[in-house]
Amino acid sequence: MDSGLGFGPFTLYPTRHELHHLGQPVSIGSRALAILITLAEQAGRMVDKRDLIARAWPRLAIEECNLRSQVAALRKLFKALDPGSDGYIVTVPRQGYVLAASPVPAQEPCADADRLLAHLGRHDLVTLCGPEGAGKTRLARCLVEAHSQRFADGVYFIEADRHSQYQDLASFFSCNRLARPDHPCPAHVSQLAARQALLVFDSPEAFIEPLRALIAGLPARGRRLKVLVTCRQPLGLAGEAVVALAAAHAAAPCDLERWRLPACAA
């Protein structure tokens, strides 16, 4: 069985020649996939462009621009599906490319999404705890992807470590307002308490105290809102259910700074 390699919200299955995003297959060309598999096999190390060409175009003589085109397509795909990323692939000028991630052996997170949903059915607040790299964010995203239709009034996913939709997350906590792409008017968090909605806070370690105050201040009576937090530690609030994830078998971290050069062209 192909165990898969997880990085960010993606899972790569080299034997099956498949790439998944949040548990769903991604359409990707065979040559781009061959390049990605080769980079994943040497994650954190530079792979010579000649080796990548030989893997993606065996027994063919092709121009280097074809490799650049496939790498650019991979970056475009990654940025479209994971907007907070930098494309995952770093260029080493005139030499090759590096996969800017440390893939870890991945277990299908969607297989556990049902169990996490069951916890949310029994508790208003669930904290998904585990060390960095354990797969907390991927599991939370998989839950949203697979079960968002169960929350009639919507799902609000706040990536606290990137807070791409808020210039200042502290200001967000101070006004307690949320916005969804399909709802032009922001909703006040307290107004969501009586709605059948899911509020996900992903990696809020830098804002634990304001988050505790925010959740503790939600009205208990008539509350239908479910709150899911991914964090390295429990919040310590009354009624909190803690679901622990074991550490993944993390690969050695990439030394990316030596590859990051200014104005690197693809």
C-alpha atoms as a PDB file:
ATOM      1  CA  MET A   1       0.000   0.000   0.000  1.00  0.00           C
ATOM      2  CA  ASP A   2       1.251   3.482  -0.930  1.00  0.00           C
ATOM      3  CA  SER A   3       1.459   5.284   2.433  1.00  0.00           C
ATOM      4  CA  GLY A   4       1.807   8.733   0.914  1.00  0.00           C
ATOM      5  CA  LEU A   5       3.932  11.751   1.809  1.00  0.00           C
ATOM      6  CA  GLY A   6       2.222  14.730   3.399  1.00  0.00           C
ATOM      7  CA  PHE A   7       3.289  18.381   3.122  1.00  0.00           C
ATOM      8  CA  GLY A   8       1.009  21.315   3.850  1.00  0.00           C
ATOM      9  CA  PRO A   9      -2.531  20.409   2.755  1.00  0.00           C
ATOM     10  CA  PHE A  10      -1.156  18.003   0.128  1.00  0.00           C
ATOM     11  CA  THR A  11      -0.487  14.275   0.091  1.00  0.00           C
ATOM     12  CA  LEU A  12       1.723  12.765  -2.599  1.00  0.00           C
ATOM     13  CA  TYR A  13       1.360   9.063  -3.470  1.00  0.00           C
ATOM     14  CA  PRO A  14       4.482   8.176  -5.498  1.00  0.00           C
ATOM     15  CA  THR A  15       3.553   4.556  -6.218  1.00  0.00           C
ATOM     16  CA  ARG A  16       0.029   5.443  -7.334  1.00  0.00           C
ATOM     17  CA  HIS A  17       1.297   8.551  -9.147  1.00  0.00           C
ATOM     18  CA  GLU A  18      -1.333  10.738  -7.483  1.00  0.00           C
ATOM     19  CA  LEU A  19      -1.393  14.082  -5.687  1.00  0.00           C
ATOM     20  CA  HIS A  20      -4.236  14.836  -3.263  1.00  0.00           C
ATOM     21  CA  HIS A  21      -5.350  18.109  -1.722  1.00  0.00           C
ATOM     22  CA  LEU A  22      -7.324  17.778   1.533  1.00  0.00           C
ATOM     23  CA  GLY A  23      -8.075  14.169   0.628  1.00  0.00           C
ATOM     24  CA  GLN A  24      -9.263  14.885  -2.907  1.00  0.00           C
ATOM     25  CA  PRO A  25      -7.299  13.940  -6.078  1.00  0.00           C
ATOM     26  CA  VAL A  26      -5.725  16.827  -7.976  1.00  0.00           C
ATOM     27  CA  SER A  27      -5.520  16.931 -11.758  1.00  0.00           C
ATOM     28  CA  ILE A  28      -1.841  17.108 -12.652  1.00  0.00           C
ATOM     29  CA  GLY A  29       0.162  16.167 -15.734  1.00  0.00           C
ATOM     30  CA  SER A  30       2.390  13.101 -15.724  1.00  0.00           C
ATOM     31  CA  ARG A  31       5.606  15.053 -16.319  1.00  0.00           C
ATOM     32  CA  ALA A  32       4.878  17.574 -13.569  1.00  0.00           C
ATOM     33  CA  LEU A  33       4.053  14.683 -11.249  1.00  0.00           C
ATOM     34  CA  ALA A  34       7.305  12.906 -12.104  1.00  0.00           C
ATOM     35  CA  ILE A  35       9.220  16.102 -11.266  1.00  0.00           C
ATOM     36  CA  LEU A  36       7.365  16.497  -7.967  1.00  0.00           C
ATOM     37  CA  ILE A  37       7.989  12.873  -6.974  1.00  0.00           C
ATOM     38  CA  THR A  38      11.699  13.273  -7.727  1.00  0.00           C
ATOM     39  CA  LEU A  39      11.892  16.458  -5.647  1.00  0.00           C
ATOM     40  CA  ALA A  40       9.981  14.792  -2.778  1.00  0.00           C
ATOM     41  CA  GLU A  41      12.412  11.886  -2.768  1.00  0.00           C
ATOM     42  CA  GLN A  42      15.220  14.398  -2.152  1.00  0.00           C
ATOM     43  CA  ALA A  43      13.229  16.912  -0.072  1.00  0.00           C
ATOM     44  CA  GLY A  44      15.431  19.631   1.380  1.00  0.00           C
ATOM     45  CA  ARG A  45      18.249  18.864  -1.060  1.00  0.00           C
ATOM     46  CA  MET A  46      18.905  20.369  -4.453  1.00  0.00           C
ATOM     47  CA  VAL A  47      18.004  18.094  -7.373  1.00  0.00           C
ATOM     48  CA  ASP A  48      20.017  18.759 -10.504  1.00  0.00           C
ATOM     49  CA  LYS A  49      17.898  19.922 -13.428  1.00  0.00           C
ATOM     50  CA  ARG A  50      19.459  17.207 -15.608  1.00  0.00           C
ATOM     51  CA  ASP A  51      18.181  14.534 -13.235  1.00  0.00           C
ATOM     52  CA  LEU A  52      14.701  16.068 -13.308  1.00  0.00           C
ATOM     53  CA  ILE A  53      14.689  16.124 -17.100  1.00  0.00           C
ATOM     54  CA  ALA A  54      15.859  12.514 -17.253  1.00  0.00           C
ATOM     55  CA  ARG A  55      13.052  11.468 -14.876  1.00  0.00           C
ATOM     56  CA  ALA A  56      10.247  13.378 -16.593  1.00  0.00           C
ATOM     57  CA  TRP A  57      11.406  12.875 -20.198  1.00  0.00           C
ATOM     58  CA  PRO A  58      13.246   9.528 -20.235  1.00  0.00           C
ATOM     59  CA  ARG A  59      15.259   8.841 -23.389  1.00  0.00           C
ATOM     60  CA  LEU A  60      14.227  12.182 -24.895  1.00  0.00           C
ATOM     61  CA  ALA A  61      16.362  15.210 -25.702  1.00  0.00           C
ATOM     62  CA  ILE A  62      14.396  18.289 -24.670  1.00  0.00           C
ATOM     63  CA  GLU A  63      15.119  21.946 -24.058  1.00  0.00           C
ATOM     64  CA  GLU A  64      15.510  23.185 -20.482  1.00  0.00           C
ATOM     65  CA  CYS A  65      12.601  25.583 -20.995  1.00  0.00           C
ATOM     66  CA  ASN A  66      10.268  22.558 -20.854  1.00  0.00           C
ATOM     67  CA  LEU A  67      11.431  21.829 -17.312  1.00  0.00           C
ATOM     68  CA  ARG A  68      10.944  25.476 -16.300  1.00  0.00           C
ATOM     69  CA  SER A  69       7.429  25.377 -17.716  1.00  0.00           C
ATOM     70  CA  GLN A  70       6.509  22.278 -15.708  1.00  0.00           C
ATOM     71  CA  VAL A  71       7.967  23.730 -12.492  1.00  0.00           C
ATOM     72  CA  ALA A  72       6.034  26.955 -13.057  1.00  0.00           C
ATOM     73  CA  ALA A  73       2.844  24.909 -13.511  1.00  0.00           C
ATOM     74  CA  LEU A  74       3.486  23.117 -10.210  1.00  0.00           C
ATOM     75  CA  ARG A  75       4.009  26.403  -8.378  1.00  0.00           C
ATOM     76  CA  LYS A  76       0.833  27.831  -9.890  1.00  0.00           C
ATOM     77  CA  LEU A  77      -1.106  24.759  -8.772  1.00  0.00           C
ATOM     78  CA  PHE A  78       0.267  24.924  -5.218  1.00  0.00           C
ATOM     79  CA  LYS A  79      -0.445  28.643  -4.852  1.00  0.00           C
ATOM     80  CA  ALA A  80      -3.992  28.206  -6.192  1.00  0.00           C
ATOM     81  CA  LEU A  81      -4.820  25.442  -3.693  1.00  0.00           C
ATOM     82  CA  ASP A  82      -2.731  26.797  -0.792  1.00  0.00           C
ATOM     83  CA  PRO A  83      -2.736  30.609  -1.223  1.00  0.00           C
ATOM     84  CA  GLY A  84      -0.612  31.204   1.877  1.00  0.00           C
ATOM     85  CA  SER A  85       2.274  29.177   0.486  1.00  0.00           C
ATOM     86  CA  ASP A  86       5.192  30.384  -1.629  1.00  0.00           C
ATOM     87  CA  GLY A  87       4.776  27.580  -4.148  1.00  0.00           C
ATOM     88  CA  TYR A  88       6.882  25.035  -2.214  1.00  0.00           C
ATOM     89  CA  ILE A  89       9.583  24.809  -4.916  1.00  0.00           C
ATOM     90  CA  VAL A  90      12.768  26.886  -4.631  1.00  0.00           C
ATOM     91  CA  THR A  91      15.021  27.589  -7.614  1.00  0.00           C
ATOM     92  CA  VAL A  92      18.772  27.134  -7.357  1.00  0.00           C
ATOM     93  CA  PRO A  93      19.927  29.307 -10.265  1.00  0.00           C
ATOM     94  CA  ARG A  94      21.661  27.426 -13.088  1.00  0.00           C
ATOM     95  CA  GLN A  95      21.648  24.207 -11.047  1.00  0.00           C
ATOM     96  CA  GLY A  96      18.259  22.776 -10.130  1.00  0.00           C
ATOM     97  CA  TYR A  97      15.365  22.911  -7.688  1.00  0.00           C
ATOM     98  CA  VAL A  98      14.561  22.138  -4.048  1.00  0.00           C
ATOM     99  CA  LEU A  99      11.240  21.050  -2.571  1.00  0.00           C
ATOM    100  CA  ALA A 100      10.752  23.623   0.207  1.00  0.00           C
ATOM    101  CA  ALA A 101       8.930  21.232   2.526  1.00  0.00           C
ATOM    102  CA  SER A 102       9.674  18.255   4.734  1.00  0.00           C
ATOM    103  CA  PRO A 103       7.209  15.555   3.651  1.00  0.00           C
ATOM    104  CA  VAL A 104       6.180  13.165   6.404  1.00  0.00           C
ATOM    105  CA  PRO A 105       4.579   9.727   6.089  1.00  0.00           C
ATOM    106  CA  ALA A 106       0.915  10.576   5.784  1.00  0.00           C
ATOM    107  CA  GLN A 107      -2.062   8.694   7.056  1.00  0.00           C
ATOM    108  CA  GLU A 108      -5.296   9.568   5.313  1.00  0.00           C
ATOM    109  CA  PRO A 109      -6.572  12.454   7.482  1.00  0.00           C
ATOM    110  CA  CYS A 110     -10.084  12.146   6.052  1.00  0.00           C
ATOM    111  CA  ALA A 111     -10.353   8.724   7.662  1.00  0.00           C
ATOM    112  CA  ASP A 112     -10.239  10.555  11.007  1.00  0.00           C
ATOM    113  CA  ALA A 113     -12.509  13.436   9.994  1.00  0.00           C
ATOM    114  CA  ASP A 114     -15.620  11.447  10.917  1.00  0.00           C
ATOM    115  CA  ARG A 115     -14.273  10.855  14.417  1.00  0.00           C
ATOM    116  CA  LEU A 116     -13.483  14.546  14.809  1.00  0.00           C
ATOM    117  CA  LEU A 117     -16.994  15.412  13.614  1.00  0.00           C
ATOM    118  CA  ALA A 118     -18.401  13.066  16.269  1.00  0.00           C
ATOM    119  CA  HIS A 119     -16.503  14.998  18.959  1.00  0.00           C
ATOM    120  CA  LEU A 120     -18.011  18.235  17.649  1.00  0.00           C
ATOM    121  CA  GLY A 121     -21.428  16.614  17.817  1.00  0.00           C
ATOM    122  CA  ARG A 122     -20.971  16.043  21.553  1.00  0.00           C
ATOM    123  CA  HIS A 123     -19.046  19.207  22.489  1.00  0.00           C
ATOM    124  CA  ASP A 124     -19.295  22.894  21.582  1.00  0.00           C
ATOM    125  CA  LEU A 125     -15.520  23.383  21.826  1.00  0.00           C
ATOM    126  CA  VAL A 126     -12.960  20.884  20.562  1.00  0.00           C
ATOM    127  CA  THR A 127      -9.214  21.529  20.613  1.00  0.00           C
ATOM    128  CA  LEU A 128      -7.101  19.400  18.300  1.00  0.00           C
ATOM    129  CA  CYS A 129      -3.720  19.194  20.048  1.00  0.00           C
ATOM    130  CA  GLY A 130      -0.373  17.916  18.891  1.00  0.00           C
ATOM    131  CA  PRO A 131       3.204  18.963  18.140  1.00  0.00           C
ATOM    132  CA  GLU A 132       4.175  20.837  15.021  1.00  0.00           C
ATOM    133  CA  GLY A 133       3.956  18.575  11.993  1.00  0.00           C
ATOM    134  CA  ALA A 134       1.405  16.192  13.521  1.00  0.00           C
ATOM    135  CA  GLY A 135      -1.181  17.063  10.866  1.00  0.00           C
ATOM    136  CA  LYS A 136      -3.589  19.230  12.866  1.00  0.00           C
ATOM    137  CA  THR A 137      -4.241  21.730  10.092  1.00  0.00           C
ATOM    138  CA  ARG A 138      -4.647  19.053   7.423  1.00  0.00           C
ATOM    139  CA  LEU A 139      -7.170  17.193   9.545  1.00  0.00           C
ATOM    140  CA  ALA A 140      -9.135  20.376  10.290  1.00  0.00           C
ATOM    141  CA  ARG A 141      -9.186  21.323   6.608  1.00  0.00           C
ATOM    142  CA  CYS A 142     -10.226  17.810   5.683  1.00  0.00           C
ATOM    143  CA  LEU A 143     -13.120  18.011   8.137  1.00  0.00           C
ATOM    144  CA  VAL A 144     -14.240  21.286   6.563  1.00  0.00           C
ATOM    145  CA  GLU A 145     -13.862  19.878   3.056  1.00  0.00           C
ATOM    146  CA  ALA A 146     -15.790  16.711   3.805  1.00  0.00           C
ATOM    147  CA  HIS A 147     -18.498  17.969   6.160  1.00  0.00           C
ATOM    148  CA  SER A 148     -19.065  21.692   5.561  1.00  0.00           C
ATOM    149  CA  GLN A 149     -22.599  20.960   4.319  1.00  0.00           C
ATOM    150  CA  ARG A 150     -23.552  19.853   7.829  1.00  0.00           C
ATOM    151  CA  PHE A 151     -23.256  23.457   9.057  1.00  0.00           C
ATOM    152  CA  ALA A 152     -26.228  25.237   7.527  1.00  0.00           C
ATOM    153  CA  ASP A 153     -25.024  28.726   8.475  1.00  0.00           C
ATOM    154  CA  GLY A 154     -21.517  28.252   7.194  1.00  0.00           C
ATOM    155  CA  VAL A 155     -17.937  27.514   8.155  1.00  0.00           C
ATOM    156  CA  TYR A 156     -15.444  30.235   9.162  1.00  0.00           C
ATOM    157  CA  PHE A 157     -11.781  29.168   8.887  1.00  0.00           C
ATOM    158  CA  ILE A 158      -9.319  31.615  10.470  1.00  0.00           C
ATOM    159  CA  GLU A 159      -5.676  30.799   9.741  1.00  0.00           C
ATOM    160  CA  ALA A 160      -4.205  32.600  12.721  1.00  0.00           C
ATOM    161  CA  ASP A 161      -0.589  31.973  11.750  1.00  0.00           C
ATOM    162  CA  ARG A 162      -1.096  33.583   8.340  1.00  0.00           C
ATOM    163  CA  HIS A 163      -4.251  35.646   9.002  1.00  0.00           C
ATOM    164  CA  SER A 164      -4.305  36.385   5.288  1.00  0.00           C
ATOM    165  CA  GLN A 165      -7.762  37.937   5.515  1.00  0.00           C
ATOM    166  CA  TYR A 166      -6.818  40.208   8.442  1.00  0.00           C
ATOM    167  CA  GLN A 167      -3.899  42.621   8.495  1.00  0.00           C
ATOM    168  CA  ASP A 168      -3.875  42.499  12.279  1.00  0.00           C
ATOM    169  CA  LEU A 169      -5.347  39.493  14.066  1.00  0.00           C
ATOM    170  CA  ALA A 170      -5.347  41.370  17.361  1.00  0.00           C
ATOM    171  CA  SER A 171      -7.752  43.871  15.797  1.00  0.00           C
ATOM    172  CA  PHE A 172      -9.920  40.985  14.686  1.00  0.00           C
ATOM    173  CA  PHE A 173     -10.179  39.728  18.251  1.00  0.00           C
ATOM    174  CA  SER A 174     -10.940  43.204  19.541  1.00  0.00           C
ATOM    175  CA  CYS A 175     -13.924  43.633  17.225  1.00  0.00           C
ATOM    176  CA  ASN A 176     -14.846  39.929  17.046  1.00  0.00           C
ATOM    177  CA  ARG A 177     -16.027  40.192  13.460  1.00  0.00           C
ATOM    178  CA  LEU A 178     -15.964  37.514  10.783  1.00  0.00           C
ATOM    179  CA  ALA A 179     -16.508  37.603   7.050  1.00  0.00           C
ATOM    180  CA  ARG A 180     -17.195  34.907   4.484  1.00  0.00           C
ATOM    181  CA  PRO A 181     -16.722  35.153   0.704  1.00  0.00           C
ATOM    182  CA  ASP A 182     -20.427  34.435   0.139  1.00  0.00           C
ATOM    183  CA  HIS A 183     -21.561  36.853   2.877  1.00  0.00           C
ATOM    184  CA  PRO A 184     -20.586  40.460   2.061  1.00  0.00           C
ATOM    185  CA  CYS A 185     -21.475  41.704   5.555  1.00  0.00           C
ATOM    186  CA  PRO A 186     -19.241  40.570   8.420  1.00  0.00           C
ATOM    187  CA  ALA A 187     -20.946  38.766  11.267  1.00  0.00           C
ATOM    188  CA  HIS A 188     -20.241  39.448  14.921  1.00  0.00           C
ATOM    189  CA  VAL A 189     -19.005  36.299  16.643  1.00  0.00           C
ATOM    190  CA  SER A 190     -21.666  36.539  19.365  1.00  0.00           C
ATOM    191  CA  GLN A 191     -24.336  36.627  16.644  1.00  0.00           C
ATOM    192  CA  LEU A 192     -23.141  33.251  15.424  1.00  0.00           C
ATOM    193  CA  ALA A 193     -23.778  31.564  18.772  1.00  0.00           C
ATOM    194  CA  ALA A 194     -27.367  30.693  17.929  1.00  0.00           C
ATOM    195  CA  ARG A 195     -26.525  29.634  14.376  1.00  0.00           C
ATOM    196  CA  GLN A 196     -25.568  26.231  13.081  1.00  0.00           C
ATOM    197  CA  ALA A 197     -22.037  27.180  12.123  1.00  0.00           C
ATOM    198  CA  LEU A 198     -18.470  25.996  12.577  1.00  0.00           C
ATOM    199  CA  LEU A 199     -15.715  28.390  13.632  1.00  0.00           C
ATOM    200  CA  VAL A 200     -12.173  27.052  13.113  1.00  0.00           C
ATOM    201  CA  PHE A 201      -9.102  28.752  14.592  1.00  0.00           C
ATOM    202  CA  ASP A 202      -5.958  27.281  13.083  1.00  0.00           C
ATOM    203  CA  SER A 203      -2.635  27.645  14.968  1.00  0.00           C
ATOM    204  CA  PRO A 204      -3.559  30.579  17.267  1.00  0.00           C
ATOM    205  CA  GLU A 205      -0.625  30.117  19.667  1.00  0.00           C
ATOM    206  CA  ALA A 206       0.365  33.775  19.414  1.00  0.00           C
ATOM    207  CA  PHE A 207      -3.144  34.860  20.400  1.00  0.00           C
ATOM    208  CA  ILE A 208      -4.129  32.333  23.054  1.00  0.00           C
ATOM    209  CA  GLU A 209      -5.317  34.814  25.687  1.00  0.00           C
ATOM    210  CA  PRO A 210      -7.609  36.871  23.432  1.00  0.00           C
ATOM    211  CA  LEU A 211      -8.915  33.635  21.912  1.00  0.00           C
ATOM    212  CA  ARG A 212      -9.736  32.251  25.371  1.00  0.00           C
ATOM    213  CA  ALA A 213     -11.593  35.451  26.214  1.00  0.00           C
ATOM    214  CA  LEU A 214     -13.443  35.392  22.912  1.00  0.00           C
ATOM    215  CA  ILE A 215     -14.668  31.816  23.308  1.00  0.00           C
ATOM    216  CA  ALA A 216     -15.401  32.142  27.022  1.00  0.00           C
ATOM    217  CA  GLY A 217     -17.552  35.176  26.253  1.00  0.00           C
ATOM    218  CA  LEU A 218     -19.856  33.299  23.882  1.00  0.00           C
ATOM    219  CA  PRO A 219     -23.322  32.796  25.382  1.00  0.00           C
ATOM    220  CA  ALA A 220     -23.972  29.243  26.553  1.00  0.00           C
ATOM    221  CA  ARG A 221     -27.770  29.269  26.331  1.00  0.00           C
ATOM    222  CA  GLY A 222     -29.148  28.522  22.887  1.00  0.00           C
ATOM    223  CA  ARG A 223     -25.665  28.064  21.495  1.00  0.00           C
ATOM    224  CA  ARG A 224     -25.451  26.002  18.301  1.00  0.00           C
ATOM    225  CA  LEU A 225     -22.067  27.284  17.180  1.00  0.00           C
ATOM    226  CA  LYS A 226     -19.254  24.728  17.164  1.00  0.00           C
ATOM    227  CA  VAL A 227     -15.661  25.856  17.697  1.00  0.00           C
ATOM    228  CA  LEU A 228     -12.633  23.849  16.561  1.00  0.00           C
ATOM    229  CA  VAL A 229      -9.121  24.968  17.514  1.00  0.00           C
ATOM    230  CA  THR A 230      -5.857  23.464  16.275  1.00  0.00           C
ATOM    231  CA  CYS A 231      -3.143  24.199  18.795  1.00  0.00           C
ATOM    232  CA  ARG A 232      -0.074  22.739  20.462  1.00  0.00           C
ATOM    233  CA  GLN A 233      -1.789  23.017  23.858  1.00  0.00           C
ATOM    234  CA  PRO A 234      -5.344  22.943  25.245  1.00  0.00           C
ATOM    235  CA  LEU A 235      -7.077  26.239  25.930  1.00  0.00           C
ATOM    236  CA  GLY A 236      -8.045  25.181  29.469  1.00  0.00           C
ATOM    237  CA  LEU A 237     -11.671  26.302  29.171  1.00  0.00           C
ATOM    238  CA  ALA A 238     -14.711  24.708  30.790  1.00  0.00           C
ATOM    239  CA  GLY A 239     -16.438  22.213  28.518  1.00  0.00           C
ATOM    240  CA  GLU A 240     -13.407  21.885  26.233  1.00  0.00           C
ATOM    241  CA  ALA A 241     -12.850  18.468  24.653  1.00  0.00           C
ATOM    242  CA  VAL A 242      -9.216  17.759  23.782  1.00  0.00           C
ATOM    243  CA  VAL A 243      -8.321  15.439  20.907  1.00  0.00           C
ATOM    244  CA  ALA A 244      -4.616  14.566  20.853  1.00  0.00           C
ATOM    245  CA  LEU A 245      -2.653  13.763  17.695  1.00  0.00           C
ATOM    246  CA  ALA A 246       0.595  11.859  18.000  1.00  0.00           C
ATOM    247  CA  ALA A 247       3.737  13.307  16.458  1.00  0.00           C
ATOM    248  CA  ALA A 248       4.370  12.302  12.881  1.00  0.00           C
ATOM    249  CA  HIS A 249       7.713  10.794  11.901  1.00  0.00           C
ATOM    250  CA  ALA A 250       9.100  14.122  10.769  1.00  0.00           C
ATOM    251  CA  ALA A 251      11.872  14.275   8.234  1.00  0.00           C
ATOM    252  CA  ALA A 252      14.918  16.400   8.919  1.00  0.00           C
ATOM    253  CA  PRO A 253      14.097  20.083   8.473  1.00  0.00           C
ATOM    254  CA  CYS A 254      15.177  21.738   5.227  1.00  0.00           C
ATOM    255  CA  ASP A 255      17.957  24.275   5.354  1.00  0.00           C
ATOM    256  CA  LEU A 256      16.188  26.571   2.917  1.00  0.00           C
ATOM    257  CA  GLU A 257      18.034  29.786   3.594  1.00  0.00           C
ATOM    258  CA  ARG A 258      21.061  28.660   1.595  1.00  0.00           C
ATOM    259  CA  TRP A 259      18.816  28.216  -1.427  1.00  0.00           C
ATOM    260  CA  ARG A 260      16.862  31.480  -1.094  1.00  0.00           C
ATOM    261  CA  LEU A 261      18.638  33.936  -3.366  1.00  0.00           C
ATOM    262  CA  PRO A 262      17.286  37.321  -4.420  1.00  0.00           C
ATOM    263  CA  ALA A 263      15.472  37.581  -7.762  1.00  0.00           C
ATOM    264  CA  CYS A 264      15.590  33.879  -8.527  1.00  0.00           C
ATOM    265  CA  ALA A 265      14.073  33.181 -11.916  1.00  0.00           C
ATOM    266  CA  ALA A 266      12.227  29.957 -12.624  1.00  0.00           C
END
